[in-house]
Amino acid sequence: FGVETTSTVNSSFYDVRVMTVYNVTSTIINDLVPFSTYNITVAAATSIGEGPPSSVVANMTAEGNGCPAEITVCGNIDSVMWPETEIDSTSKLPCPCGSTMSLFNDLGIIATRKCMGNFETGARWSFSECSNCTLTGTTSSLCKLFDIDSGAQLASALVNITNNTQELKTEDLALSTVLLEAIQISEIQEDKQVTMDILRVVDQLASAPQDSINSSHRNTNSSSRYPTHIYVYSL
């Protein structure tokens, strides 16, 4: 009889193979991909020809101790790389935002995903819980600033993004603080406009809703982390 298998790996790859074996009532299918679903059919054959295939039997390989690493889109932001996770455990990751992974973790802006299943039927990922990763327009714009190397461009962009002070959230104040710290003192000394832009950003951050200011300071100590040169040039 013959055995035909079709596997689906992460819903994007298909592996079709046909095995032909003789005078046996069972066989072993080797070299299967871990954490993958295989659709298996069996058909008997004689010298006259092949009979009809059996009903499809779907089974997931259970090799390994949990769900495999996988990339998914989370909220309205960049892709999230979920690490390999043990069965019945929940993976927690800070929502992506430039190079500020640890900052979002401190603020509790995280995505979660549970590894379901068991060792008999195999592991499978649940749906991602990404509601925290649906960022506002202001927060998304601030995340994109981490790709800017020029202090002058960064300061100018911060002025424009933080201009609507009453819409600033906790994460916006925390992100702005980190971005201000990235501007080198040498750039401020060489360009008076950079100094003026920095002072304007600080003034706008100080005009944010008090709840946002308190929360940002409580979680990231942002109010006391403005670079010391801001105060020097404000005298």
C-alpha atoms as a PDB file:
ATOM      1  CA  PHE A   1       0.000   0.000   0.000  1.00  0.00           C
ATOM      2  CA  GLY A   2       1.016   3.604  -0.350  1.00  0.00           C
ATOM      3  CA  VAL A   3       1.063   6.414   2.167  1.00  0.00           C
ATOM      4  CA  GLU A   4       0.694  10.053   1.121  1.00  0.00           C
ATOM      5  CA  THR A   5       1.393  12.892   3.567  1.00  0.00           C
ATOM      6  CA  THR A   6       0.858  16.608   3.217  1.00  0.00           C
ATOM      7  CA  SER A   7       2.275  18.839   5.942  1.00  0.00           C
ATOM      8  CA  THR A   8       1.547  22.464   6.718  1.00  0.00           C
ATOM      9  CA  VAL A   9       4.327  24.275   8.552  1.00  0.00           C
ATOM     10  CA  ASN A  10       3.322  27.622  10.102  1.00  0.00           C
ATOM     11  CA  SER A  11       0.528  27.907   7.514  1.00  0.00           C
ATOM     12  CA  SER A  12       3.005  28.976   4.819  1.00  0.00           C
ATOM     13  CA  PHE A  13       4.944  25.874   3.677  1.00  0.00           C
ATOM     14  CA  TYR A  14       3.696  22.652   2.159  1.00  0.00           C
ATOM     15  CA  ASP A  15       5.619  19.386   1.975  1.00  0.00           C
ATOM     16  CA  VAL A  16       3.993  16.640  -0.127  1.00  0.00           C
ATOM     17  CA  ARG A  17       5.503  13.179  -0.210  1.00  0.00           C
ATOM     18  CA  VAL A  18       4.374   9.715  -1.340  1.00  0.00           C
ATOM     19  CA  MET A  19       5.693   6.516   0.258  1.00  0.00           C
ATOM     20  CA  THR A  20       5.250   3.067  -1.277  1.00  0.00           C
ATOM     21  CA  VAL A  21       5.734   0.025   0.940  1.00  0.00           C
ATOM     22  CA  TYR A  22       5.110  -3.687   0.285  1.00  0.00           C
ATOM     23  CA  ASN A  23       3.638  -6.533   2.317  1.00  0.00           C
ATOM     24  CA  VAL A  24       3.315  -4.595   5.573  1.00  0.00           C
ATOM     25  CA  THR A  25       0.443  -3.428   7.721  1.00  0.00           C
ATOM     26  CA  SER A  26       2.270  -0.483   9.263  1.00  0.00           C
ATOM     27  CA  THR A  27       5.153   1.848   8.529  1.00  0.00           C
ATOM     28  CA  ILE A  28       7.075   4.723  10.067  1.00  0.00           C
ATOM     29  CA  ILE A  29       7.252   8.137   8.426  1.00  0.00           C
ATOM     30  CA  ASN A  30      10.628   9.703   9.178  1.00  0.00           C
ATOM     31  CA  ASP A  31      12.158  13.182   8.899  1.00  0.00           C
ATOM     32  CA  LEU A  32       9.017  15.044   9.919  1.00  0.00           C
ATOM     33  CA  VAL A  33       9.169  18.715  10.840  1.00  0.00           C
ATOM     34  CA  PRO A  34       8.535  19.478  14.541  1.00  0.00           C
ATOM     35  CA  PHE A  35       5.381  21.351  15.520  1.00  0.00           C
ATOM     36  CA  SER A  36       3.786  20.712  12.102  1.00  0.00           C
ATOM     37  CA  THR A  37       0.370  19.378  11.049  1.00  0.00           C
ATOM     38  CA  TYR A  38       0.420  16.395   8.656  1.00  0.00           C
ATOM     39  CA  ASN A  39      -2.598  15.200   6.652  1.00  0.00           C
ATOM     40  CA  ILE A  40      -2.179  11.464   6.025  1.00  0.00           C
ATOM     41  CA  THR A  41      -4.042   9.187   3.606  1.00  0.00           C
ATOM     42  CA  VAL A  42      -3.513   5.482   2.893  1.00  0.00           C
ATOM     43  CA  ALA A  43      -4.348   3.533  -0.261  1.00  0.00           C
ATOM     44  CA  ALA A  44      -3.926  -0.203  -1.031  1.00  0.00           C
ATOM     45  CA  ALA A  45      -2.635  -1.376  -4.401  1.00  0.00           C
ATOM     46  CA  THR A  46      -2.424  -4.643  -6.329  1.00  0.00           C
ATOM     47  CA  SER A  47      -1.163  -5.632  -9.737  1.00  0.00           C
ATOM     48  CA  ILE A  48      -4.469  -4.397 -11.131  1.00  0.00           C
ATOM     49  CA  GLY A  49      -4.083  -0.898  -9.753  1.00  0.00           C
ATOM     50  CA  GLU A  50      -4.489   1.358  -6.768  1.00  0.00           C
ATOM     51  CA  GLY A  51      -7.626   1.436  -4.657  1.00  0.00           C
ATOM     52  CA  PRO A  52      -9.382   4.541  -3.321  1.00  0.00           C
ATOM     53  CA  PRO A  53      -7.566   6.570  -0.656  1.00  0.00           C
ATOM     54  CA  SER A  54      -8.676   6.471   2.949  1.00  0.00           C
ATOM     55  CA  SER A  55     -10.142   9.419   4.771  1.00  0.00           C
ATOM     56  CA  VAL A  56      -7.616  12.071   5.720  1.00  0.00           C
ATOM     57  CA  VAL A  57      -6.145  11.767   9.222  1.00  0.00           C
ATOM     58  CA  ALA A  58      -4.604  14.984  10.541  1.00  0.00           C
ATOM     59  CA  ASN A  59      -1.936  14.861  13.207  1.00  0.00           C
ATOM     60  CA  MET A  60       0.567  17.332  14.623  1.00  0.00           C
ATOM     61  CA  THR A  61       4.104  16.279  15.384  1.00  0.00           C
ATOM     62  CA  ALA A  62       4.850  16.735  19.082  1.00  0.00           C
ATOM     63  CA  GLU A  63       8.626  16.687  18.943  1.00  0.00           C
ATOM     64  CA  GLY A  64      10.083  19.266  21.328  1.00  0.00           C
ATOM     65  CA  ASN A  65       8.834  20.648  24.626  1.00  0.00           C
ATOM     66  CA  GLY A  66       6.579  23.446  23.448  1.00  0.00           C
ATOM     67  CA  CYS A  67       5.576  25.934  20.789  1.00  0.00           C
ATOM     68  CA  PRO A  68       8.201  26.969  18.244  1.00  0.00           C
ATOM     69  CA  ALA A  69       9.596  30.462  17.801  1.00  0.00           C
ATOM     70  CA  GLU A  70       7.324  32.428  15.478  1.00  0.00           C
ATOM     71  CA  ILE A  71       6.982  35.943  14.063  1.00  0.00           C
ATOM     72  CA  THR A  72       3.573  37.660  14.029  1.00  0.00           C
ATOM     73  CA  VAL A  73       2.257  41.193  13.585  1.00  0.00           C
ATOM     74  CA  CYS A  74       1.040  42.705  16.848  1.00  0.00           C
ATOM     75  CA  GLY A  75      -1.349  45.659  17.019  1.00  0.00           C
ATOM     76  CA  ASN A  76      -0.452  48.447  14.590  1.00  0.00           C
ATOM     77  CA  ILE A  77       3.291  48.071  15.021  1.00  0.00           C
ATOM     78  CA  ASP A  78       6.199  45.988  13.803  1.00  0.00           C
ATOM     79  CA  SER A  79       6.378  42.212  13.953  1.00  0.00           C
ATOM     80  CA  VAL A  80       6.903  40.412  17.252  1.00  0.00           C
ATOM     81  CA  MET A  81       9.294  37.465  17.539  1.00  0.00           C
ATOM     82  CA  TRP A  82       7.793  34.978  19.981  1.00  0.00           C
ATOM     83  CA  PRO A  83      10.421  32.715  21.567  1.00  0.00           C
ATOM     84  CA  GLU A  84      10.064  28.956  21.887  1.00  0.00           C
ATOM     85  CA  THR A  85       7.716  28.466  24.838  1.00  0.00           C
ATOM     86  CA  GLU A  86       6.857  25.449  26.961  1.00  0.00           C
ATOM     87  CA  ILE A  87       3.366  23.964  26.871  1.00  0.00           C
ATOM     88  CA  ASP A  88       0.913  25.666  29.245  1.00  0.00           C
ATOM     89  CA  SER A  89       3.239  28.672  29.645  1.00  0.00           C
ATOM     90  CA  THR A  90       2.605  32.266  28.590  1.00  0.00           C
ATOM     91  CA  SER A  91       5.185  34.312  26.726  1.00  0.00           C
ATOM     92  CA  LYS A  92       5.282  38.025  27.549  1.00  0.00           C
ATOM     93  CA  LEU A  93       7.079  40.544  25.339  1.00  0.00           C
ATOM     94  CA  PRO A  94       7.272  44.345  25.404  1.00  0.00           C
ATOM     95  CA  CYS A  95       5.620  45.876  22.351  1.00  0.00           C
ATOM     96  CA  PRO A  96       8.240  46.827  19.730  1.00  0.00           C
ATOM     97  CA  CYS A  97       9.208  50.503  19.556  1.00  0.00           C
ATOM     98  CA  GLY A  98      12.615  51.223  18.109  1.00  0.00           C
ATOM     99  CA  SER A  99      15.263  50.216  20.636  1.00  0.00           C
ATOM    100  CA  THR A 100      13.062  50.812  23.697  1.00  0.00           C
ATOM    101  CA  MET A 101      12.052  47.244  24.507  1.00  0.00           C
ATOM    102  CA  SER A 102      13.036  47.521  28.165  1.00  0.00           C
ATOM    103  CA  LEU A 103      11.230  50.861  28.542  1.00  0.00           C
ATOM    104  CA  PHE A 104       7.915  49.443  27.338  1.00  0.00           C
ATOM    105  CA  ASN A 105       8.437  46.500  29.648  1.00  0.00           C
ATOM    106  CA  ASP A 106       8.789  48.923  32.588  1.00  0.00           C
ATOM    107  CA  LEU A 107       5.558  50.642  31.538  1.00  0.00           C
ATOM    108  CA  GLY A 108       3.648  47.365  31.218  1.00  0.00           C
ATOM    109  CA  ILE A 109       3.099  47.873  27.474  1.00  0.00           C
ATOM    110  CA  ILE A 110       3.397  44.207  26.621  1.00  0.00           C
ATOM    111  CA  ALA A 111       1.932  41.530  24.379  1.00  0.00           C
ATOM    112  CA  THR A 112       1.160  38.011  25.607  1.00  0.00           C
ATOM    113  CA  ARG A 113       0.644  34.638  23.962  1.00  0.00           C
ATOM    114  CA  LYS A 114       0.051  31.221  25.518  1.00  0.00           C
ATOM    115  CA  CYS A 115       1.419  27.895  24.346  1.00  0.00           C
ATOM    116  CA  MET A 116      -1.499  25.455  24.357  1.00  0.00           C
ATOM    117  CA  GLY A 117      -1.788  21.713  23.787  1.00  0.00           C
ATOM    118  CA  ASN A 118      -0.194  18.688  25.421  1.00  0.00           C
ATOM    119  CA  PHE A 119       2.575  16.171  24.774  1.00  0.00           C
ATOM    120  CA  GLU A 120       0.198  13.666  23.169  1.00  0.00           C
ATOM    121  CA  THR A 121      -1.431  15.861  20.529  1.00  0.00           C
ATOM    122  CA  GLY A 122       1.348  18.444  20.249  1.00  0.00           C
ATOM    123  CA  ALA A 123       1.860  22.090  21.118  1.00  0.00           C
ATOM    124  CA  ARG A 124       0.052  24.986  19.473  1.00  0.00           C
ATOM    125  CA  TRP A 125       0.066  28.744  19.925  1.00  0.00           C
ATOM    126  CA  SER A 126      -3.036  30.620  21.052  1.00  0.00           C
ATOM    127  CA  PHE A 127      -3.978  33.949  19.480  1.00  0.00           C
ATOM    128  CA  SER A 128      -1.726  36.849  20.460  1.00  0.00           C
ATOM    129  CA  GLU A 129      -3.089  39.359  22.977  1.00  0.00           C
ATOM    130  CA  CYS A 130      -1.816  42.596  21.465  1.00  0.00           C
ATOM    131  CA  SER A 131      -4.336  45.212  22.613  1.00  0.00           C
ATOM    132  CA  ASN A 132      -1.582  47.114  24.457  1.00  0.00           C
ATOM    133  CA  CYS A 133       0.415  47.317  21.237  1.00  0.00           C
ATOM    134  CA  THR A 134      -2.137  49.468  19.412  1.00  0.00           C
ATOM    135  CA  LEU A 135      -0.210  52.713  19.854  1.00  0.00           C
ATOM    136  CA  THR A 136      -1.441  56.259  19.346  1.00  0.00           C
ATOM    137  CA  GLY A 137      -0.177  58.325  16.438  1.00  0.00           C
ATOM    138  CA  THR A 138       2.065  60.331  18.772  1.00  0.00           C
ATOM    139  CA  THR A 139       3.639  57.234  20.316  1.00  0.00           C
ATOM    140  CA  SER A 140       4.181  55.601  16.909  1.00  0.00           C
ATOM    141  CA  SER A 141       5.877  58.777  15.640  1.00  0.00           C
ATOM    142  CA  LEU A 142       8.166  58.865  18.666  1.00  0.00           C
ATOM    143  CA  CYS A 143       9.160  55.235  18.089  1.00  0.00           C
ATOM    144  CA  LYS A 144      10.306  56.087  14.572  1.00  0.00           C
ATOM    145  CA  LEU A 145      12.680  58.773  15.880  1.00  0.00           C
ATOM    146  CA  PHE A 146      15.085  56.135  17.208  1.00  0.00           C
ATOM    147  CA  ASP A 147      16.355  55.732  13.646  1.00  0.00           C
ATOM    148  CA  ILE A 148      17.530  59.371  13.508  1.00  0.00           C
ATOM    149  CA  ASP A 149      21.230  59.981  14.182  1.00  0.00           C
ATOM    150  CA  SER A 150      21.313  63.766  13.876  1.00  0.00           C
ATOM    151  CA  GLY A 151      20.680  65.624  17.139  1.00  0.00           C
ATOM    152  CA  ALA A 152      19.395  68.653  15.244  1.00  0.00           C
ATOM    153  CA  GLN A 153      16.851  66.601  13.306  1.00  0.00           C
ATOM    154  CA  LEU A 154      15.837  64.720  16.437  1.00  0.00           C
ATOM    155  CA  ALA A 155      15.259  67.875  18.474  1.00  0.00           C
ATOM    156  CA  SER A 156      13.254  69.482  15.665  1.00  0.00           C
ATOM    157  CA  ALA A 157      11.080  66.397  15.244  1.00  0.00           C
ATOM    158  CA  LEU A 158      10.436  66.222  18.992  1.00  0.00           C
ATOM    159  CA  VAL A 159       9.193  69.819  18.968  1.00  0.00           C
ATOM    160  CA  ASN A 160       6.582  68.977  16.348  1.00  0.00           C
ATOM    161  CA  ILE A 161       5.486  65.618  17.775  1.00  0.00           C
ATOM    162  CA  THR A 162       5.062  66.806  21.389  1.00  0.00           C
ATOM    163  CA  ASN A 163       3.334  70.052  20.414  1.00  0.00           C
ATOM    164  CA  ASN A 164      -0.169  68.787  21.297  1.00  0.00           C
ATOM    165  CA  THR A 165       0.623  68.687  25.006  1.00  0.00           C
ATOM    166  CA  GLN A 166      -2.802  67.629  26.310  1.00  0.00           C
ATOM    167  CA  GLU A 167      -2.688  64.452  24.214  1.00  0.00           C
ATOM    168  CA  LEU A 168       0.649  63.268  25.642  1.00  0.00           C
ATOM    169  CA  LYS A 169       0.455  59.898  27.401  1.00  0.00           C
ATOM    170  CA  THR A 170       2.708  58.271  29.978  1.00  0.00           C
ATOM    171  CA  GLU A 171       4.669  56.426  27.290  1.00  0.00           C
ATOM    172  CA  ASP A 172       5.093  59.625  25.251  1.00  0.00           C
ATOM    173  CA  LEU A 173       6.822  61.388  28.134  1.00  0.00           C
ATOM    174  CA  ALA A 174       9.034  58.378  28.826  1.00  0.00           C
ATOM    175  CA  LEU A 175      10.008  58.015  25.152  1.00  0.00           C
ATOM    176  CA  SER A 176      10.713  61.737  24.790  1.00  0.00           C
ATOM    177  CA  THR A 177      13.018  61.595  27.803  1.00  0.00           C
ATOM    178  CA  VAL A 178      15.051  58.755  26.297  1.00  0.00           C
ATOM    179  CA  LEU A 179      15.273  60.589  22.971  1.00  0.00           C
ATOM    180  CA  LEU A 180      16.434  63.804  24.652  1.00  0.00           C
ATOM    181  CA  GLU A 181      19.166  61.864  26.415  1.00  0.00           C
ATOM    182  CA  ALA A 182      20.377  60.631  23.022  1.00  0.00           C
ATOM    183  CA  ILE A 183      21.308  64.158  21.882  1.00  0.00           C
ATOM    184  CA  GLN A 184      25.002  64.775  22.425  1.00  0.00           C
ATOM    185  CA  ILE A 185      26.163  67.843  24.372  1.00  0.00           C
ATOM    186  CA  SER A 186      28.644  68.595  21.574  1.00  0.00           C
ATOM    187  CA  GLU A 187      25.741  69.044  19.137  1.00  0.00           C
ATOM    188  CA  ILE A 188      24.071  71.495  21.502  1.00  0.00           C
ATOM    189  CA  GLN A 189      27.262  73.524  21.864  1.00  0.00           C
ATOM    190  CA  GLU A 190      27.659  73.772  18.095  1.00  0.00           C
ATOM    191  CA  ASP A 191      24.064  74.697  17.204  1.00  0.00           C
ATOM    192  CA  LYS A 192      22.015  77.196  19.199  1.00  0.00           C
ATOM    193  CA  GLN A 193      18.820  76.057  17.430  1.00  0.00           C
ATOM    194  CA  VAL A 194      19.245  72.595  18.951  1.00  0.00           C
ATOM    195  CA  THR A 195      19.358  74.203  22.385  1.00  0.00           C
ATOM    196  CA  MET A 196      16.204  76.197  21.692  1.00  0.00           C
ATOM    197  CA  ASP A 197      14.383  73.112  20.404  1.00  0.00           C
ATOM    198  CA  ILE A 198      15.369  71.063  23.454  1.00  0.00           C
ATOM    199  CA  LEU A 199      14.145  73.744  25.850  1.00  0.00           C
ATOM    200  CA  ARG A 200      10.871  73.958  23.938  1.00  0.00           C
ATOM    201  CA  VAL A 201      10.391  70.175  24.130  1.00  0.00           C
ATOM    202  CA  VAL A 202      11.007  70.203  27.879  1.00  0.00           C
ATOM    203  CA  ASP A 203       8.472  73.016  28.256  1.00  0.00           C
ATOM    204  CA  GLN A 204       5.904  71.032  26.263  1.00  0.00           C
ATOM    205  CA  LEU A 205       6.501  67.885  28.282  1.00  0.00           C
ATOM    206  CA  ALA A 206       6.008  69.877  31.475  1.00  0.00           C
ATOM    207  CA  SER A 207       2.621  71.007  30.122  1.00  0.00           C
ATOM    208  CA  ALA A 208       1.340  67.448  29.663  1.00  0.00           C
ATOM    209  CA  PRO A 209      -1.592  66.212  31.770  1.00  0.00           C
ATOM    210  CA  GLN A 210      -0.510  65.785  35.378  1.00  0.00           C
ATOM    211  CA  ASP A 211      -1.606  62.155  35.454  1.00  0.00           C
ATOM    212  CA  SER A 212       0.748  61.384  32.564  1.00  0.00           C
ATOM    213  CA  ILE A 213       3.612  63.215  34.241  1.00  0.00           C
ATOM    214  CA  ASN A 214       3.102  61.408  37.539  1.00  0.00           C
ATOM    215  CA  SER A 215       2.793  57.994  35.923  1.00  0.00           C
ATOM    216  CA  SER A 216       5.852  58.463  33.720  1.00  0.00           C
ATOM    217  CA  HIS A 217       7.953  59.620  36.659  1.00  0.00           C
ATOM    218  CA  ARG A 218       6.721  56.787  38.858  1.00  0.00           C
ATOM    219  CA  ASN A 219       7.576  54.105  36.282  1.00  0.00           C
ATOM    220  CA  THR A 220      10.700  55.504  34.612  1.00  0.00           C
ATOM    221  CA  ASN A 221      11.854  58.417  36.800  1.00  0.00           C
ATOM    222  CA  SER A 222      11.534  60.576  33.683  1.00  0.00           C
ATOM    223  CA  SER A 223      11.134  63.964  35.375  1.00  0.00           C
ATOM    224  CA  SER A 224      14.582  63.737  36.941  1.00  0.00           C
ATOM    225  CA  ARG A 225      16.307  62.226  33.904  1.00  0.00           C
ATOM    226  CA  TYR A 226      16.352  65.167  31.557  1.00  0.00           C
ATOM    227  CA  PRO A 227      19.972  65.669  30.518  1.00  0.00           C
ATOM    228  CA  THR A 228      21.910  68.020  32.776  1.00  0.00           C
ATOM    229  CA  HIS A 229      22.868  70.233  29.849  1.00  0.00           C
ATOM    230  CA  ILE A 230      19.204  71.228  29.485  1.00  0.00           C
ATOM    231  CA  TYR A 231      19.412  73.038  32.784  1.00  0.00           C
ATOM    232  CA  VAL A 232      22.783  74.538  31.959  1.00  0.00           C
ATOM    233  CA  TYR A 233      21.520  76.125  28.761  1.00  0.00           C
ATOM    234  CA  SER A 234      18.280  77.260  30.345  1.00  0.00           C
ATOM    235  CA  LEU A 235      20.109  79.653  32.694  1.00  0.00           C
END
